[in-house]
Amino acid sequence: MRARLDIEGLPLPSVHLDWPGFAGSGRGLLLWEAFVTGEAKARGADKCGHVADALIACKAFAAALPHPPKGMPCEPSHEVRSLIGSAVLWSGWSGDLELLRARCLVIKP
């Protein structure tokens, strides 16, 4: 498959949903999911709750480097339908249909 190009005609970096693929390539865009619940969740019902939760997840991701967890905190018992993979396909960033079934890295603080 030819490399996808951005609006300036430059090749887009590869997209990765897993840490080993991203780390092994040495470049690209890593997309991951945050699973912030329970006691890890930011307190308060203000409008910035999602922003605070995102910050908690980013700090947990940074703390896990250079080896983020390999397993998911809530391992599904069935195939996944990847919304993040669907978004990558929809954007035109990739044409790899396997992204529809790909599990992404999940960080749970």
N, C-alpha and C. Protein backbone atom coordinates (compact mmCIF):
# COMPACT_ATOMS: atom_id res chain seq x y z
N MET A 1 0.85 -1.17 0.00
CA MET A 1 0.00 0.00 0.00
C MET A 1 0.90 1.24 0.00
N ARG A 2 0.52 2.22 -0.77
CA ARG A 2 1.27 3.47 -0.80
C ARG A 2 1.08 4.23 0.50
N ALA A 3 2.10 5.01 0.86
CA ALA A 3 2.01 5.82 2.09
C ALA A 3 0.95 6.89 1.90
N ARG A 4 0.17 7.12 2.93
CA ARG A 4 -0.82 8.19 2.91
C ARG A 4 -0.10 9.52 2.99
N LEU A 5 -0.65 10.52 2.31
CA LEU A 5 -0.02 11.83 2.27
C LEU A 5 -0.86 12.86 2.99
N ASP A 6 -0.20 13.83 3.63
CA ASP A 6 -0.93 14.93 4.27
C ASP A 6 -1.22 16.00 3.22
N ILE A 7 -1.79 17.12 3.63
CA ILE A 7 -2.20 18.16 2.68
C ILE A 7 -1.04 18.82 1.96
N GLU A 8 0.16 18.67 2.49
CA GLU A 8 1.35 19.24 1.84
C GLU A 8 2.06 18.20 0.99
N GLY A 9 1.47 17.01 0.85
CA GLY A 9 2.07 15.96 0.04
C GLY A 9 3.15 15.16 0.73
N LEU A 10 3.28 15.33 2.03
CA LEU A 10 4.28 14.60 2.80
C LEU A 10 3.67 13.32 3.36
N PRO A 11 4.47 12.25 3.49
CA PRO A 11 3.91 11.02 4.04
C PRO A 11 3.51 11.20 5.51
N LEU A 12 2.34 10.68 5.86
CA LEU A 12 1.89 10.70 7.25
C LEU A 12 2.68 9.67 8.05
N PRO A 13 2.95 9.95 9.31
CA PRO A 13 3.60 8.93 10.14
C PRO A 13 2.66 7.75 10.34
N SER A 14 3.22 6.60 10.60
CA SER A 14 2.39 5.42 10.82
C SER A 14 1.63 5.55 12.13
N VAL A 15 0.46 4.93 12.17
CA VAL A 15 -0.39 4.94 13.36
C VAL A 15 -0.21 3.61 14.09
N HIS A 16 -0.09 3.68 15.41
CA HIS A 16 0.07 2.48 16.24
C HIS A 16 -0.96 2.51 17.36
N LEU A 17 -1.53 1.35 17.64
CA LEU A 17 -2.47 1.22 18.75
C LEU A 17 -1.87 0.40 19.89
N ASP A 18 -0.66 -0.12 19.67
CA ASP A 18 -0.01 -0.92 20.71
C ASP A 18 1.40 -0.41 20.94
N TRP A 19 1.88 -0.58 22.16
CA TRP A 19 3.20 -0.09 22.53
C TRP A 19 4.33 -0.81 21.79
N PRO A 20 4.32 -2.14 21.72
CA PRO A 20 5.44 -2.81 21.04
C PRO A 20 5.62 -2.35 19.59
N GLY A 21 4.52 -2.20 18.87
CA GLY A 21 4.61 -1.73 17.49
C GLY A 21 5.16 -0.33 17.39
N PHE A 22 4.70 0.53 18.28
CA PHE A 22 5.17 1.92 18.29
C PHE A 22 6.65 2.00 18.68
N ALA A 23 7.01 1.34 19.76
CA ALA A 23 8.40 1.38 20.24
C ALA A 23 9.33 0.75 19.22
N GLY A 24 8.89 -0.32 18.58
CA GLY A 24 9.73 -1.01 17.60
C GLY A 24 9.95 -0.20 16.34
N SER A 25 8.99 0.65 15.99
CA SER A 25 9.12 1.43 14.75
C SER A 25 10.03 2.65 14.95
N GLY A 26 10.11 3.12 16.20
CA GLY A 26 10.94 4.28 16.47
C GLY A 26 10.33 5.60 16.06
N ARG A 27 9.13 5.56 15.52
CA ARG A 27 8.44 6.79 15.13
C ARG A 27 6.96 6.49 14.87
N GLY A 28 6.19 7.52 14.69
CA GLY A 28 4.78 7.36 14.39
C GLY A 28 3.91 8.04 15.43
N LEU A 29 2.64 7.71 15.38
CA LEU A 29 1.64 8.26 16.28
C LEU A 29 1.04 7.11 17.07
N LEU A 30 1.18 7.17 18.39
CA LEU A 30 0.59 6.16 19.26
C LEU A 30 -0.75 6.68 19.77
N LEU A 31 -1.81 5.94 19.51
CA LEU A 31 -3.13 6.27 20.03
C LEU A 31 -3.47 5.26 21.11
N TRP A 32 -3.93 5.75 22.26
CA TRP A 32 -4.25 4.87 23.38
C TRP A 32 -5.49 5.38 24.08
N GLU A 33 -6.03 4.54 24.95
CA GLU A 33 -7.26 4.88 25.66
C GLU A 33 -7.00 4.98 27.15
N ALA A 34 -7.68 5.91 27.77
CA ALA A 34 -7.61 6.07 29.22
C ALA A 34 -8.84 5.42 29.84
N PHE A 35 -8.62 4.71 30.95
CA PHE A 35 -9.71 4.08 31.69
C PHE A 35 -9.62 4.60 33.13
N VAL A 36 -10.20 5.77 33.34
CA VAL A 36 -10.10 6.46 34.63
C VAL A 36 -11.44 6.29 35.36
N THR A 37 -11.43 5.46 36.41
CA THR A 37 -12.65 5.19 37.17
C THR A 37 -12.34 5.13 38.66
N GLY A 38 -13.40 5.03 39.42
CA GLY A 38 -13.26 4.81 40.85
C GLY A 38 -12.43 5.86 41.56
N GLU A 39 -11.56 5.40 42.42
CA GLU A 39 -10.76 6.31 43.24
C GLU A 39 -9.76 7.12 42.42
N ALA A 40 -9.41 6.66 41.23
CA ALA A 40 -8.47 7.41 40.39
C ALA A 40 -9.13 8.61 39.73
N LYS A 41 -10.46 8.61 39.68
CA LYS A 41 -11.20 9.67 38.99
C LYS A 41 -11.08 10.99 39.72
N ALA A 42 -11.01 12.06 38.93
CA ALA A 42 -10.92 13.41 39.50
C ALA A 42 -12.21 13.71 40.27
N ARG A 43 -12.09 14.35 41.39
CA ARG A 43 -13.24 14.69 42.21
C ARG A 43 -13.89 15.98 41.71
N GLY A 44 -15.17 16.13 42.00
CA GLY A 44 -15.88 17.35 41.64
C GLY A 44 -16.72 17.15 40.39
N ALA A 45 -17.79 17.89 40.31
CA ALA A 45 -18.71 17.79 39.18
C ALA A 45 -18.62 19.02 38.28
N ASP A 46 -17.46 19.67 38.28
CA ASP A 46 -17.33 20.87 37.45
C ASP A 46 -17.17 20.49 35.98
N LYS A 47 -17.17 21.50 35.13
CA LYS A 47 -17.06 21.30 33.70
C LYS A 47 -15.72 20.72 33.30
N CYS A 48 -14.72 20.84 34.12
CA CYS A 48 -13.36 20.40 33.78
C CYS A 48 -13.09 18.98 34.23
N GLY A 49 -14.09 18.24 34.66
CA GLY A 49 -13.88 16.87 35.12
C GLY A 49 -13.18 16.00 34.10
N HIS A 50 -13.58 16.09 32.83
CA HIS A 50 -12.96 15.29 31.78
C HIS A 50 -11.51 15.72 31.56
N VAL A 51 -11.27 17.01 31.65
CA VAL A 51 -9.90 17.51 31.49
C VAL A 51 -9.02 16.99 32.62
N ALA A 52 -9.53 17.02 33.83
CA ALA A 52 -8.77 16.52 34.98
C ALA A 52 -8.52 15.02 34.85
N ASP A 53 -9.53 14.27 34.39
CA ASP A 53 -9.36 12.83 34.19
C ASP A 53 -8.29 12.57 33.12
N ALA A 54 -8.28 13.36 32.06
CA ALA A 54 -7.28 13.20 31.00
C ALA A 54 -5.88 13.45 31.55
N LEU A 55 -5.74 14.44 32.40
CA LEU A 55 -4.44 14.73 33.01
C LEU A 55 -3.99 13.57 33.90
N ILE A 56 -4.91 13.00 34.64
CA ILE A 56 -4.61 11.83 35.48
C ILE A 56 -4.11 10.69 34.60
N ALA A 57 -4.78 10.45 33.48
CA ALA A 57 -4.39 9.37 32.57
C ALA A 57 -3.02 9.64 31.95
N CYS A 58 -2.76 10.87 31.56
CA CYS A 58 -1.46 11.21 30.96
C CYS A 58 -0.33 11.03 31.96
N LYS A 59 -0.57 11.39 33.20
CA LYS A 59 0.45 11.19 34.23
C LYS A 59 0.70 9.70 34.46
N ALA A 60 -0.36 8.90 34.42
CA ALA A 60 -0.21 7.44 34.59
C ALA A 60 0.57 6.85 33.41
N PHE A 61 0.30 7.35 32.21
CA PHE A 61 1.03 6.88 31.03
C PHE A 61 2.51 7.23 31.16
N ALA A 62 2.80 8.46 31.52
CA ALA A 62 4.20 8.90 31.67
C ALA A 62 4.91 8.08 32.75
N ALA A 63 4.21 7.78 33.85
CA ALA A 63 4.81 7.01 34.93
C ALA A 63 5.12 5.58 34.50
N ALA A 64 4.37 5.06 33.52
CA ALA A 64 4.56 3.69 33.06
C ALA A 64 5.71 3.56 32.06
N LEU A 65 6.18 4.66 31.53
CA LEU A 65 7.27 4.61 30.55
C LEU A 65 8.56 4.17 31.21
N PRO A 66 9.43 3.45 30.57
CA PRO A 66 9.45 3.16 29.14
C PRO A 66 8.73 1.86 28.76
N HIS A 67 8.01 1.24 29.69
CA HIS A 67 7.34 -0.03 29.39
C HIS A 67 5.89 -0.01 29.87
N PRO A 68 5.00 0.63 29.12
CA PRO A 68 3.59 0.61 29.52
C PRO A 68 3.08 -0.83 29.62
N PRO A 69 2.00 -1.03 30.35
CA PRO A 69 1.49 -2.38 30.56
C PRO A 69 1.18 -3.08 29.24
N LYS A 70 1.44 -4.39 29.22
CA LYS A 70 1.18 -5.16 28.01
C LYS A 70 -0.27 -5.61 27.94
N GLY A 71 -0.85 -5.97 29.08
CA GLY A 71 -2.23 -6.43 29.10
C GLY A 71 -3.18 -5.27 29.33
N MET A 72 -4.43 -5.52 29.03
CA MET A 72 -5.44 -4.49 29.25
C MET A 72 -5.99 -4.64 30.67
N PRO A 73 -6.38 -3.53 31.30
CA PRO A 73 -6.91 -3.62 32.65
C PRO A 73 -8.26 -4.32 32.71
N CYS A 74 -8.95 -4.38 31.61
CA CYS A 74 -10.24 -5.07 31.55
C CYS A 74 -10.27 -5.86 30.26
N GLU A 75 -9.69 -7.03 30.28
CA GLU A 75 -9.54 -7.85 29.08
C GLU A 75 -10.92 -8.30 28.58
N PRO A 76 -11.29 -7.92 27.34
CA PRO A 76 -12.59 -8.35 26.81
C PRO A 76 -12.59 -9.84 26.53
N SER A 77 -13.75 -10.46 26.68
CA SER A 77 -13.86 -11.90 26.45
C SER A 77 -14.29 -12.20 25.02
N HIS A 78 -14.34 -11.20 24.19
CA HIS A 78 -14.78 -11.37 22.80
C HIS A 78 -13.98 -10.41 21.92
N GLU A 79 -14.20 -10.53 20.61
CA GLU A 79 -13.52 -9.61 19.70
C GLU A 79 -13.99 -8.19 19.97
N VAL A 80 -13.11 -7.26 19.74
CA VAL A 80 -13.47 -5.86 19.93
C VAL A 80 -13.90 -5.25 18.61
N ARG A 81 -14.69 -4.20 18.70
CA ARG A 81 -15.01 -3.34 17.57
C ARG A 81 -14.37 -2.00 17.91
N SER A 82 -13.24 -1.75 17.29
CA SER A 82 -12.40 -0.64 17.68
C SER A 82 -12.90 0.69 17.15
N LEU A 83 -13.38 1.54 18.04
CA LEU A 83 -13.79 2.88 17.63
C LEU A 83 -12.59 3.72 17.25
N ILE A 84 -11.47 3.53 17.95
CA ILE A 84 -10.28 4.29 17.62
C ILE A 84 -9.74 3.85 16.25
N GLY A 85 -9.81 2.55 15.97
CA GLY A 85 -9.43 2.06 14.65
C GLY A 85 -10.35 2.59 13.57
N SER A 86 -11.65 2.65 13.87
CA SER A 86 -12.62 3.20 12.92
C SER A 86 -12.32 4.67 12.62
N ALA A 87 -11.94 5.42 13.65
CA ALA A 87 -11.62 6.83 13.46
C ALA A 87 -10.39 7.00 12.57
N VAL A 88 -9.41 6.13 12.75
CA VAL A 88 -8.20 6.19 11.91
C VAL A 88 -8.58 5.92 10.45
N LEU A 89 -9.42 4.90 10.22
CA LEU A 89 -9.86 4.60 8.86
C LEU A 89 -10.66 5.75 8.28
N TRP A 90 -11.61 6.25 9.05
CA TRP A 90 -12.47 7.35 8.58
C TRP A 90 -11.64 8.57 8.18
N SER A 91 -10.59 8.85 8.94
CA SER A 91 -9.76 10.02 8.68
C SER A 91 -8.93 9.88 7.40
N GLY A 92 -8.79 8.65 6.92
CA GLY A 92 -7.96 8.40 5.76
C GLY A 92 -6.50 8.21 6.11
N TRP A 93 -6.19 8.19 7.40
CA TRP A 93 -4.80 8.04 7.84
C TRP A 93 -4.26 6.66 7.47
N SER A 94 -5.15 5.67 7.46
CA SER A 94 -4.76 4.30 7.11
C SER A 94 -5.92 3.65 6.37
N GLY A 95 -5.59 2.65 5.59
CA GLY A 95 -6.61 1.87 4.90
C GLY A 95 -6.64 0.44 5.40
N ASP A 96 -5.95 0.16 6.51
CA ASP A 96 -5.84 -1.19 7.06
C ASP A 96 -7.12 -1.56 7.80
N LEU A 97 -7.93 -2.43 7.20
CA LEU A 97 -9.20 -2.82 7.81
C LEU A 97 -9.04 -3.61 9.10
N GLU A 98 -7.86 -4.15 9.35
CA GLU A 98 -7.61 -4.85 10.61
C GLU A 98 -7.73 -3.91 11.81
N LEU A 99 -7.63 -2.61 11.57
CA LEU A 99 -7.79 -1.64 12.66
C LEU A 99 -9.18 -1.72 13.28
N LEU A 100 -10.16 -2.22 12.54
CA LEU A 100 -11.52 -2.35 13.07
C LEU A 100 -11.58 -3.38 14.20
N ARG A 101 -10.63 -4.30 14.24
CA ARG A 101 -10.60 -5.35 15.27
C ARG A 101 -9.43 -5.21 16.22
N ALA A 102 -8.64 -4.17 16.05
CA ALA A 102 -7.41 -4.03 16.83
C ALA A 102 -7.69 -3.50 18.23
N ARG A 103 -7.07 -4.14 19.21
CA ARG A 103 -7.15 -3.66 20.59
C ARG A 103 -6.07 -2.62 20.77
N CYS A 104 -6.40 -1.55 21.45
CA CYS A 104 -5.41 -0.49 21.68
C CYS A 104 -4.85 -0.59 23.10
N LEU A 105 -3.76 0.11 23.30
CA LEU A 105 -3.18 0.22 24.63
C LEU A 105 -4.18 0.95 25.53
N VAL A 106 -4.46 0.39 26.69
CA VAL A 106 -5.35 1.02 27.66
C VAL A 106 -4.57 1.29 28.93
N ILE A 107 -4.61 2.53 29.38
CA ILE A 107 -3.95 2.93 30.63
C ILE A 107 -5.01 3.14 31.69
N LYS A 108 -4.87 2.42 32.80
CA LYS A 108 -5.80 2.57 33.92
C LYS A 108 -4.99 3.00 35.15
N PRO A 109 -5.16 4.27 35.55
CA PRO A 109 -4.42 4.76 36.74
C PRO A 109 -4.86 4.04 37.99
